[in-house]
Amino acid sequence: MFLLQMSGVPGSGKSTVAAHVADTHGAVAVDYDVIRSAVLDAGFDVAASAKAAYEVIYALAREVLGQGHPVVMDSPCFWPRILNEGMEIARAHDVRYRYIECQVRDLKLLDERLGRRPRLRSHRRGVDLPPVDLGDQPVDGEALFRDSLDRVQRPFDNYLQLDMHRPLSELLPEVDVYLKA
């Protein structure tokens, strides 16, 4: 049993790794963007939707662990509270805490990935294009993503950083070894 907390900027591959973990290890993936998009559809404003989505992720992680299933919390981890909640939920359920950060520093690659993926309402449309609820004005995506890379919260030890420029065929076995350790 484990709680795996994913981390990384939008488009870095968190959901791809989370799907692999769900398929391979029988975990339940709880996806921030699915929840936030539903909360936005329910009429919450952008700021309130972010807070509500995280509260739902925490509640679902507790519930699923309580049912005896491993959990993947698929969300960016840019704030200390997100990291601390994940660790606390794992501790309270007496399960192993794991943390994987998906890293992509090539903004052109990120932009391509953001443009190709099936888009939810809360997803960025590109490096310079925010989610639809934030309008159509381009933003300085480079500054935003560089700032996001600097804000990633990590545990002090026992975490896995994945260079997502590498092929998945090389990365996913590393994920499996890390989760089994």
N, C-alpha and C. Protein backbone atom coordinates (compact mmCIF):
# COMPACT_ATOMS: atom_id res chain seq x y z
N MET A 1 0.85 -1.19 0.00
CA MET A 1 0.00 0.00 0.00
C MET A 1 0.88 1.24 0.00
N PHE A 2 0.46 2.21 -0.78
CA PHE A 2 1.20 3.45 -0.85
C PHE A 2 0.28 4.58 -1.25
N LEU A 3 0.74 5.79 -0.97
CA LEU A 3 0.17 7.00 -1.54
C LEU A 3 1.31 7.61 -2.35
N LEU A 4 1.08 7.77 -3.64
CA LEU A 4 2.06 8.38 -4.54
C LEU A 4 1.59 9.77 -4.87
N GLN A 5 2.43 10.74 -4.59
CA GLN A 5 2.13 12.13 -4.92
C GLN A 5 2.94 12.49 -6.16
N MET A 6 2.24 12.87 -7.22
CA MET A 6 2.89 13.30 -8.45
C MET A 6 3.18 14.79 -8.35
N SER A 7 4.17 15.23 -9.16
CA SER A 7 4.54 16.63 -9.17
C SER A 7 5.13 16.97 -10.52
N GLY A 8 5.01 18.22 -10.90
CA GLY A 8 5.58 18.72 -12.14
C GLY A 8 4.68 19.76 -12.79
N VAL A 9 5.25 20.49 -13.72
CA VAL A 9 4.50 21.53 -14.42
C VAL A 9 3.47 20.90 -15.36
N PRO A 10 2.46 21.67 -15.78
CA PRO A 10 1.50 21.15 -16.74
C PRO A 10 2.20 20.65 -18.01
N GLY A 11 1.79 19.47 -18.47
CA GLY A 11 2.36 18.90 -19.68
C GLY A 11 3.62 18.09 -19.46
N SER A 12 4.05 17.94 -18.22
CA SER A 12 5.32 17.25 -17.96
C SER A 12 5.20 15.73 -17.98
N GLY A 13 3.99 15.20 -17.93
CA GLY A 13 3.82 13.75 -17.99
C GLY A 13 3.29 13.11 -16.71
N LYS A 14 2.81 13.93 -15.77
CA LYS A 14 2.29 13.39 -14.51
C LYS A 14 1.16 12.39 -14.74
N SER A 15 0.21 12.74 -15.57
CA SER A 15 -0.94 11.86 -15.79
C SER A 15 -0.55 10.59 -16.53
N THR A 16 0.44 10.67 -17.39
CA THR A 16 0.93 9.48 -18.08
C THR A 16 1.53 8.51 -17.08
N VAL A 17 2.36 9.02 -16.19
CA VAL A 17 2.96 8.16 -15.15
C VAL A 17 1.88 7.66 -14.20
N ALA A 18 0.94 8.51 -13.82
CA ALA A 18 -0.14 8.10 -12.92
C ALA A 18 -0.96 6.97 -13.54
N ALA A 19 -1.24 7.05 -14.83
CA ALA A 19 -2.01 6.00 -15.51
C ALA A 19 -1.23 4.68 -15.51
N HIS A 20 0.06 4.76 -15.71
CA HIS A 20 0.89 3.55 -15.66
C HIS A 20 0.83 2.92 -14.26
N VAL A 21 0.95 3.74 -13.23
CA VAL A 21 0.92 3.23 -11.86
C VAL A 21 -0.44 2.61 -11.56
N ALA A 22 -1.50 3.24 -12.02
CA ALA A 22 -2.84 2.68 -11.80
C ALA A 22 -2.96 1.32 -12.50
N ASP A 23 -2.52 1.25 -13.74
CA ASP A 23 -2.62 0.00 -14.51
C ASP A 23 -1.73 -1.10 -13.94
N THR A 24 -0.52 -0.75 -13.56
CA THR A 24 0.48 -1.75 -13.16
C THR A 24 0.38 -2.14 -11.70
N HIS A 25 0.00 -1.22 -10.84
CA HIS A 25 0.04 -1.47 -9.40
C HIS A 25 -1.34 -1.48 -8.74
N GLY A 26 -2.39 -1.38 -9.54
CA GLY A 26 -3.73 -1.43 -8.98
C GLY A 26 -4.12 -0.21 -8.16
N ALA A 27 -3.43 0.89 -8.39
CA ALA A 27 -3.73 2.12 -7.64
C ALA A 27 -4.91 2.85 -8.27
N VAL A 28 -5.51 3.72 -7.49
CA VAL A 28 -6.56 4.59 -7.97
C VAL A 28 -5.94 5.97 -8.16
N ALA A 29 -6.01 6.48 -9.39
CA ALA A 29 -5.47 7.81 -9.69
C ALA A 29 -6.57 8.85 -9.46
N VAL A 30 -6.25 9.83 -8.64
CA VAL A 30 -7.16 10.94 -8.35
C VAL A 30 -6.57 12.16 -9.05
N ASP A 31 -7.26 12.64 -10.08
CA ASP A 31 -6.72 13.66 -10.98
C ASP A 31 -7.27 15.04 -10.65
N TYR A 32 -6.38 15.94 -10.29
CA TYR A 32 -6.73 17.32 -9.96
C TYR A 32 -7.50 18.00 -11.09
N ASP A 33 -7.05 17.83 -12.32
CA ASP A 33 -7.70 18.54 -13.43
C ASP A 33 -9.10 18.04 -13.71
N VAL A 34 -9.35 16.76 -13.53
CA VAL A 34 -10.71 16.24 -13.70
C VAL A 34 -11.62 16.88 -12.65
N ILE A 35 -11.14 16.89 -11.41
CA ILE A 35 -11.94 17.46 -10.32
C ILE A 35 -12.13 18.96 -10.52
N ARG A 36 -11.06 19.67 -10.82
CA ARG A 36 -11.18 21.12 -10.98
C ARG A 36 -12.09 21.49 -12.14
N SER A 37 -11.99 20.75 -13.23
CA SER A 37 -12.87 21.03 -14.38
C SER A 37 -14.34 20.84 -13.99
N ALA A 38 -14.64 19.79 -13.22
CA ALA A 38 -16.01 19.55 -12.77
C ALA A 38 -16.47 20.67 -11.83
N VAL A 39 -15.57 21.12 -10.96
CA VAL A 39 -15.91 22.19 -10.04
C VAL A 39 -16.18 23.49 -10.81
N LEU A 40 -15.38 23.75 -11.84
CA LEU A 40 -15.64 24.92 -12.69
C LEU A 40 -16.99 24.78 -13.39
N ASP A 41 -17.29 23.58 -13.89
CA ASP A 41 -18.59 23.34 -14.54
C ASP A 41 -19.75 23.56 -13.58
N ALA A 42 -19.51 23.35 -12.27
CA ALA A 42 -20.55 23.54 -11.26
C ALA A 42 -20.76 25.01 -10.92
N GLY A 43 -19.92 25.90 -11.49
CA GLY A 43 -20.14 27.32 -11.30
C GLY A 43 -19.17 28.02 -10.36
N PHE A 44 -18.19 27.31 -9.83
CA PHE A 44 -17.20 27.95 -8.98
C PHE A 44 -16.32 28.86 -9.82
N ASP A 45 -15.82 29.94 -9.22
CA ASP A 45 -14.89 30.80 -9.94
C ASP A 45 -13.51 30.12 -9.96
N VAL A 46 -12.59 30.69 -10.73
CA VAL A 46 -11.29 30.06 -10.94
C VAL A 46 -10.54 29.87 -9.62
N ALA A 47 -10.48 30.89 -8.79
CA ALA A 47 -9.73 30.79 -7.54
C ALA A 47 -10.36 29.76 -6.60
N ALA A 48 -11.67 29.82 -6.44
CA ALA A 48 -12.36 28.89 -5.55
C ALA A 48 -12.25 27.46 -6.08
N SER A 49 -12.22 27.30 -7.39
CA SER A 49 -12.16 25.95 -7.96
C SER A 49 -10.84 25.26 -7.62
N ALA A 50 -9.76 26.01 -7.56
CA ALA A 50 -8.46 25.41 -7.23
C ALA A 50 -8.48 24.89 -5.80
N LYS A 51 -8.96 25.69 -4.88
CA LYS A 51 -9.02 25.28 -3.47
C LYS A 51 -9.96 24.10 -3.30
N ALA A 52 -11.13 24.17 -3.92
CA ALA A 52 -12.10 23.08 -3.79
C ALA A 52 -11.55 21.78 -4.38
N ALA A 53 -10.86 21.86 -5.50
CA ALA A 53 -10.32 20.65 -6.13
C ALA A 53 -9.31 19.97 -5.22
N TYR A 54 -8.46 20.74 -4.56
CA TYR A 54 -7.50 20.12 -3.65
C TYR A 54 -8.19 19.49 -2.45
N GLU A 55 -9.19 20.14 -1.91
CA GLU A 55 -9.92 19.55 -0.78
C GLU A 55 -10.56 18.23 -1.19
N VAL A 56 -11.09 18.16 -2.40
CA VAL A 56 -11.69 16.92 -2.90
C VAL A 56 -10.61 15.84 -3.08
N ILE A 57 -9.45 16.22 -3.62
CA ILE A 57 -8.37 15.25 -3.78
C ILE A 57 -7.99 14.65 -2.42
N TYR A 58 -7.83 15.49 -1.42
CA TYR A 58 -7.45 14.99 -0.09
C TYR A 58 -8.52 14.04 0.45
N ALA A 59 -9.79 14.43 0.31
CA ALA A 59 -10.88 13.59 0.82
C ALA A 59 -10.93 12.25 0.07
N LEU A 60 -10.78 12.29 -1.24
CA LEU A 60 -10.80 11.05 -2.02
C LEU A 60 -9.61 10.16 -1.69
N ALA A 61 -8.44 10.75 -1.52
CA ALA A 61 -7.26 9.95 -1.16
C ALA A 61 -7.49 9.24 0.17
N ARG A 62 -8.04 9.94 1.14
CA ARG A 62 -8.33 9.31 2.43
C ARG A 62 -9.34 8.16 2.27
N GLU A 63 -10.39 8.42 1.52
CA GLU A 63 -11.44 7.43 1.34
C GLU A 63 -10.92 6.19 0.62
N VAL A 64 -10.18 6.37 -0.45
CA VAL A 64 -9.68 5.24 -1.24
C VAL A 64 -8.66 4.43 -0.43
N LEU A 65 -7.77 5.10 0.28
CA LEU A 65 -6.83 4.38 1.15
C LEU A 65 -7.60 3.60 2.22
N GLY A 66 -8.62 4.21 2.77
CA GLY A 66 -9.45 3.54 3.78
C GLY A 66 -10.15 2.31 3.23
N GLN A 67 -10.39 2.28 1.93
CA GLN A 67 -10.99 1.11 1.29
C GLN A 67 -9.95 0.05 0.94
N GLY A 68 -8.68 0.35 1.20
CA GLY A 68 -7.63 -0.64 0.99
C GLY A 68 -6.96 -0.61 -0.37
N HIS A 69 -7.01 0.53 -1.05
CA HIS A 69 -6.39 0.66 -2.37
C HIS A 69 -5.27 1.70 -2.35
N PRO A 70 -4.17 1.42 -3.05
CA PRO A 70 -3.15 2.46 -3.18
C PRO A 70 -3.70 3.64 -3.98
N VAL A 71 -3.12 4.82 -3.75
CA VAL A 71 -3.62 6.05 -4.37
C VAL A 71 -2.48 6.81 -5.06
N VAL A 72 -2.82 7.39 -6.21
CA VAL A 72 -1.94 8.35 -6.88
C VAL A 72 -2.66 9.69 -6.86
N MET A 73 -2.03 10.68 -6.24
CA MET A 73 -2.55 12.05 -6.27
C MET A 73 -1.87 12.75 -7.45
N ASP A 74 -2.63 12.93 -8.53
CA ASP A 74 -2.11 13.48 -9.78
C ASP A 74 -2.40 14.98 -9.83
N SER A 75 -1.42 15.76 -9.39
CA SER A 75 -1.57 17.22 -9.40
C SER A 75 -0.19 17.85 -9.33
N PRO A 76 -0.11 19.13 -9.72
CA PRO A 76 1.14 19.84 -9.46
C PRO A 76 1.34 19.94 -7.95
N CYS A 77 2.53 20.12 -7.54
CA CYS A 77 2.81 20.22 -6.10
C CYS A 77 3.63 21.50 -5.88
N PHE A 78 2.96 22.65 -6.03
CA PHE A 78 3.65 23.93 -5.99
C PHE A 78 3.59 24.62 -4.63
N TRP A 79 2.82 24.08 -3.69
CA TRP A 79 2.64 24.76 -2.40
C TRP A 79 2.96 23.78 -1.28
N PRO A 80 3.55 24.27 -0.19
CA PRO A 80 3.89 23.38 0.93
C PRO A 80 2.70 22.58 1.46
N ARG A 81 1.53 23.18 1.49
CA ARG A 81 0.36 22.46 2.03
C ARG A 81 0.06 21.20 1.23
N ILE A 82 0.23 21.25 -0.08
CA ILE A 82 -0.06 20.08 -0.92
C ILE A 82 0.87 18.93 -0.54
N LEU A 83 2.15 19.24 -0.43
CA LEU A 83 3.14 18.24 -0.03
C LEU A 83 2.83 17.71 1.37
N ASN A 84 2.58 18.60 2.31
CA ASN A 84 2.33 18.20 3.70
C ASN A 84 1.06 17.37 3.83
N GLU A 85 0.01 17.72 3.11
CA GLU A 85 -1.24 16.94 3.17
C GLU A 85 -1.00 15.52 2.66
N GLY A 86 -0.27 15.39 1.54
CA GLY A 86 0.01 14.05 1.02
C GLY A 86 0.75 13.20 2.03
N MET A 87 1.79 13.77 2.63
CA MET A 87 2.56 13.02 3.62
C MET A 87 1.71 12.67 4.85
N GLU A 88 0.88 13.60 5.29
CA GLU A 88 0.04 13.37 6.45
C GLU A 88 -1.02 12.31 6.18
N ILE A 89 -1.62 12.33 5.00
CA ILE A 89 -2.62 11.31 4.65
C ILE A 89 -1.98 9.93 4.66
N ALA A 90 -0.78 9.81 4.08
CA ALA A 90 -0.07 8.52 4.08
C ALA A 90 0.22 8.07 5.52
N ARG A 91 0.71 8.99 6.34
CA ARG A 91 1.02 8.66 7.74
C ARG A 91 -0.23 8.21 8.49
N ALA A 92 -1.32 8.94 8.31
CA ALA A 92 -2.55 8.62 9.04
C ALA A 92 -3.11 7.26 8.64
N HIS A 93 -2.83 6.81 7.42
CA HIS A 93 -3.31 5.50 6.96
C HIS A 93 -2.23 4.43 7.03
N ASP A 94 -1.09 4.79 7.60
CA ASP A 94 0.01 3.85 7.79
C ASP A 94 0.40 3.15 6.48
N VAL A 95 0.55 3.97 5.42
CA VAL A 95 1.00 3.45 4.12
C VAL A 95 2.28 4.18 3.71
N ARG A 96 3.03 3.58 2.81
CA ARG A 96 4.26 4.20 2.33
C ARG A 96 3.92 5.47 1.54
N TYR A 97 4.69 6.50 1.79
CA TYR A 97 4.56 7.74 1.03
C TYR A 97 5.61 7.73 -0.07
N ARG A 98 5.18 7.99 -1.29
CA ARG A 98 6.09 8.09 -2.42
C ARG A 98 5.81 9.39 -3.16
N TYR A 99 6.83 9.89 -3.82
CA TYR A 99 6.75 11.19 -4.50
C TYR A 99 7.55 11.09 -5.80
N ILE A 100 6.90 11.40 -6.91
CA ILE A 100 7.58 11.41 -8.21
C ILE A 100 7.38 12.77 -8.85
N GLU A 101 8.49 13.37 -9.23
CA GLU A 101 8.46 14.65 -9.94
C GLU A 101 8.83 14.41 -11.40
N CYS A 102 7.95 14.82 -12.29
CA CYS A 102 8.19 14.75 -13.73
C CYS A 102 8.78 16.09 -14.16
N GLN A 103 9.99 16.04 -14.72
CA GLN A 103 10.67 17.27 -15.10
C GLN A 103 10.81 17.39 -16.61
N VAL A 104 10.41 18.54 -17.12
CA VAL A 104 10.63 18.91 -18.51
C VAL A 104 11.04 20.38 -18.49
N ARG A 105 12.21 20.66 -18.98
CA ARG A 105 12.70 22.04 -18.99
C ARG A 105 12.61 22.68 -20.38
N ASP A 106 12.34 21.88 -21.38
CA ASP A 106 12.24 22.35 -22.77
C ASP A 106 10.83 22.89 -23.00
N LEU A 107 10.70 24.22 -23.05
CA LEU A 107 9.38 24.83 -23.17
C LEU A 107 8.73 24.55 -24.52
N LYS A 108 9.51 24.36 -25.54
CA LYS A 108 8.94 24.01 -26.85
C LYS A 108 8.27 22.63 -26.76
N LEU A 109 8.94 21.69 -26.13
CA LEU A 109 8.35 20.36 -25.94
C LEU A 109 7.09 20.45 -25.09
N LEU A 110 7.12 21.21 -24.01
CA LEU A 110 5.92 21.39 -23.18
C LEU A 110 4.77 21.97 -23.99
N ASP A 111 5.07 22.97 -24.81
CA ASP A 111 4.04 23.60 -25.63
C ASP A 111 3.42 22.59 -26.59
N GLU A 112 4.26 21.75 -27.19
CA GLU A 112 3.75 20.71 -28.10
C GLU A 112 2.85 19.74 -27.34
N ARG A 113 3.28 19.32 -26.17
CA ARG A 113 2.48 18.39 -25.38
C ARG A 113 1.15 19.00 -24.95
N LEU A 114 1.19 20.25 -24.51
CA LEU A 114 -0.04 20.92 -24.09
C LEU A 114 -1.01 21.07 -25.26
N GLY A 115 -0.49 21.30 -26.45
CA GLY A 115 -1.34 21.45 -27.63
C GLY A 115 -1.93 20.14 -28.12
N ARG A 116 -1.28 19.03 -27.86
CA ARG A 116 -1.71 17.72 -28.37
C ARG A 116 -2.66 16.98 -27.43
N ARG A 117 -2.58 17.23 -26.16
CA ARG A 117 -3.33 16.39 -25.23
C ARG A 117 -4.83 16.68 -25.30
N PRO A 118 -5.64 15.67 -24.99
CA PRO A 118 -7.07 15.95 -24.85
C PRO A 118 -7.24 16.96 -23.73
N ARG A 119 -7.97 18.02 -23.98
CA ARG A 119 -8.00 19.14 -23.06
C ARG A 119 -9.24 19.15 -22.18
N LEU A 120 -8.98 19.31 -20.90
CA LEU A 120 -10.04 19.56 -19.93
C LEU A 120 -10.16 21.07 -19.73
N ARG A 121 -11.24 21.46 -19.14
CA ARG A 121 -11.49 22.89 -18.95
C ARG A 121 -10.39 23.58 -18.16
N SER A 122 -9.78 22.90 -17.21
CA SER A 122 -8.75 23.52 -16.37
C SER A 122 -7.35 23.46 -16.97
N HIS A 123 -7.20 22.78 -18.10
CA HIS A 123 -5.87 22.65 -18.71
C HIS A 123 -5.42 23.92 -19.43
N ARG A 124 -4.14 24.18 -19.34
CA ARG A 124 -3.53 25.22 -20.18
C ARG A 124 -3.63 24.77 -21.62
N ARG A 125 -3.79 25.73 -22.54
CA ARG A 125 -3.87 25.40 -23.96
C ARG A 125 -2.51 25.43 -24.62
N GLY A 126 -1.55 25.99 -23.95
CA GLY A 126 -0.18 26.08 -24.44
C GLY A 126 0.66 26.78 -23.39
N VAL A 127 1.95 26.85 -23.65
CA VAL A 127 2.84 27.53 -22.69
C VAL A 127 2.39 28.97 -22.50
N ASP A 128 2.00 29.65 -23.57
CA ASP A 128 1.58 31.05 -23.49
C ASP A 128 0.06 31.24 -23.43
N LEU A 129 -0.69 30.14 -23.44
CA LEU A 129 -2.15 30.24 -23.46
C LEU A 129 -2.74 29.61 -22.21
N PRO A 130 -3.41 30.41 -21.39
CA PRO A 130 -3.98 29.90 -20.13
C PRO A 130 -5.22 29.04 -20.40
N PRO A 131 -5.75 28.42 -19.35
CA PRO A 131 -7.03 27.72 -19.49
C PRO A 131 -8.12 28.68 -19.96
N VAL A 132 -9.15 28.14 -20.59
CA VAL A 132 -10.19 28.98 -21.18
C VAL A 132 -10.82 29.95 -20.19
N ASP A 133 -10.95 29.55 -18.94
CA ASP A 133 -11.59 30.42 -17.95
C ASP A 133 -10.76 31.65 -17.60
N LEU A 134 -9.51 31.67 -18.00
CA LEU A 134 -8.66 32.83 -17.75
C LEU A 134 -8.54 33.74 -18.97
N GLY A 135 -9.30 33.43 -20.01
CA GLY A 135 -9.35 34.31 -21.18
C GLY A 135 -8.40 33.89 -22.28
N ASP A 136 -8.36 34.73 -23.32
CA ASP A 136 -7.56 34.43 -24.50
C ASP A 136 -6.31 35.28 -24.61
N GLN A 137 -6.05 36.11 -23.61
CA GLN A 137 -4.84 36.93 -23.66
C GLN A 137 -3.62 36.07 -23.43
N PRO A 138 -2.68 36.07 -24.36
CA PRO A 138 -1.43 35.33 -24.13
C PRO A 138 -0.70 35.89 -22.91
N VAL A 139 -0.01 35.01 -22.21
CA VAL A 139 0.79 35.40 -21.06
C VAL A 139 2.23 35.05 -21.35
N ASP A 140 3.14 35.57 -20.55
CA ASP A 140 4.54 35.20 -20.70
C ASP A 140 4.72 33.82 -20.10
N GLY A 141 4.47 32.82 -20.91
CA GLY A 141 4.53 31.44 -20.46
C GLY A 141 5.91 31.03 -19.98
N GLU A 142 6.94 31.57 -20.61
CA GLU A 142 8.29 31.20 -20.18
C GLU A 142 8.52 31.60 -18.73
N ALA A 143 8.16 32.83 -18.39
CA ALA A 143 8.33 33.29 -17.00
C ALA A 143 7.47 32.45 -16.05
N LEU A 144 6.24 32.18 -16.45
CA LEU A 144 5.32 31.39 -15.63
C LEU A 144 5.87 29.99 -15.38
N PHE A 145 6.35 29.33 -16.42
CA PHE A 145 6.85 27.97 -16.26
C PHE A 145 8.17 27.94 -15.49
N ARG A 146 9.03 28.90 -15.73
CA ARG A 146 10.28 28.96 -14.96
C ARG A 146 9.99 29.17 -13.47
N ASP A 147 9.03 30.05 -13.18
CA ASP A 147 8.62 30.27 -11.79
C ASP A 147 8.04 28.99 -11.19
N SER A 148 7.21 28.29 -11.97
CA SER A 148 6.61 27.05 -11.49
C SER A 148 7.67 26.00 -11.20
N LEU A 149 8.68 25.90 -12.05
CA LEU A 149 9.77 24.95 -11.81
C LEU A 149 10.47 25.25 -10.49
N ASP A 150 10.60 26.54 -10.18
CA ASP A 150 11.26 26.94 -8.93
C ASP A 150 10.38 26.71 -7.70
N ARG A 151 9.04 26.65 -7.89
CA ARG A 151 8.12 26.51 -6.77
C ARG A 151 7.79 25.07 -6.42
N VAL A 152 8.25 24.11 -7.20
CA VAL A 152 7.91 22.71 -6.92
C VAL A 152 8.37 22.36 -5.50
N GLN A 153 7.46 21.78 -4.75
CA GLN A 153 7.74 21.34 -3.38
C GLN A 153 8.14 19.87 -3.42
N ARG A 154 9.17 19.51 -2.69
CA ARG A 154 9.66 18.14 -2.65
C ARG A 154 9.88 17.72 -1.20
N PRO A 155 9.72 16.42 -0.94
CA PRO A 155 10.12 15.95 0.39
C PRO A 155 11.64 16.04 0.52
N PHE A 156 12.14 15.91 1.73
CA PHE A 156 13.58 16.03 1.95
C PHE A 156 14.37 14.88 1.34
N ASP A 157 13.75 13.70 1.29
CA ASP A 157 14.46 12.54 0.76
C ASP A 157 13.47 11.53 0.20
N ASN A 158 14.00 10.45 -0.35
CA ASN A 158 13.22 9.33 -0.86
C ASN A 158 12.18 9.76 -1.88
N TYR A 159 12.60 10.51 -2.88
CA TYR A 159 11.71 10.84 -3.98
C TYR A 159 12.42 10.54 -5.29
N LEU A 160 11.63 10.46 -6.35
CA LEU A 160 12.16 10.13 -7.67
C LEU A 160 11.90 11.29 -8.61
N GLN A 161 12.96 11.76 -9.24
CA GLN A 161 12.83 12.78 -10.29
C GLN A 161 13.02 12.09 -11.63
N LEU A 162 12.08 12.31 -12.52
CA LEU A 162 12.13 11.71 -13.84
C LEU A 162 12.41 12.77 -14.89
N ASP A 163 13.42 12.56 -15.70
CA ASP A 163 13.71 13.42 -16.84
C ASP A 163 12.79 12.97 -17.97
N MET A 164 11.69 13.68 -18.15
CA MET A 164 10.66 13.27 -19.08
C MET A 164 11.01 13.54 -20.54
N HIS A 165 12.26 13.93 -20.79
CA HIS A 165 12.75 13.98 -22.17
C HIS A 165 13.10 12.57 -22.64
N ARG A 166 13.33 11.67 -21.69
CA ARG A 166 13.70 10.29 -21.99
C ARG A 166 12.47 9.49 -22.40
N PRO A 167 12.66 8.38 -23.11
CA PRO A 167 11.52 7.55 -23.53
C PRO A 167 10.83 6.89 -22.33
N LEU A 168 9.52 6.75 -22.44
CA LEU A 168 8.75 6.10 -21.37
C LEU A 168 9.24 4.68 -21.14
N SER A 169 9.71 4.02 -22.19
CA SER A 169 10.18 2.64 -22.03
C SER A 169 11.37 2.55 -21.08
N GLU A 170 12.09 3.64 -20.89
CA GLU A 170 13.18 3.68 -19.91
C GLU A 170 12.70 4.16 -18.54
N LEU A 171 11.74 5.07 -18.54
CA LEU A 171 11.30 5.70 -17.30
C LEU A 171 10.37 4.83 -16.46
N LEU A 172 9.43 4.16 -17.10
CA LEU A 172 8.41 3.44 -16.35
C LEU A 172 8.98 2.29 -15.52
N PRO A 173 9.99 1.56 -16.00
CA PRO A 173 10.61 0.56 -15.12
C PRO A 173 11.24 1.19 -13.87
N GLU A 174 11.78 2.40 -13.99
CA GLU A 174 12.33 3.10 -12.82
C GLU A 174 11.21 3.40 -11.81
N VAL A 175 10.06 3.77 -12.33
CA VAL A 175 8.90 4.04 -11.47
C VAL A 175 8.53 2.77 -10.71
N ASP A 176 8.47 1.65 -11.42
CA ASP A 176 8.09 0.39 -10.79
C ASP A 176 9.08 -0.02 -9.69
N VAL A 177 10.36 0.13 -9.95
CA VAL A 177 11.38 -0.21 -8.94
C VAL A 177 11.22 0.70 -7.73
N TYR A 178 11.04 2.00 -7.97
CA TYR A 178 10.87 2.95 -6.86
C TYR A 178 9.66 2.60 -6.00
N LEU A 179 8.55 2.25 -6.63
CA LEU A 179 7.34 1.95 -5.86
C LEU A 179 7.45 0.65 -5.08
N LYS A 180 8.24 -0.28 -5.57
CA LYS A 180 8.39 -1.57 -4.89
C LYS A 180 9.43 -1.53 -3.78
N ALA A 181 10.30 -0.52 -3.79
CA ALA A 181 11.39 -0.45 -2.81
C ALA A 181 10.86 -0.27 -1.40
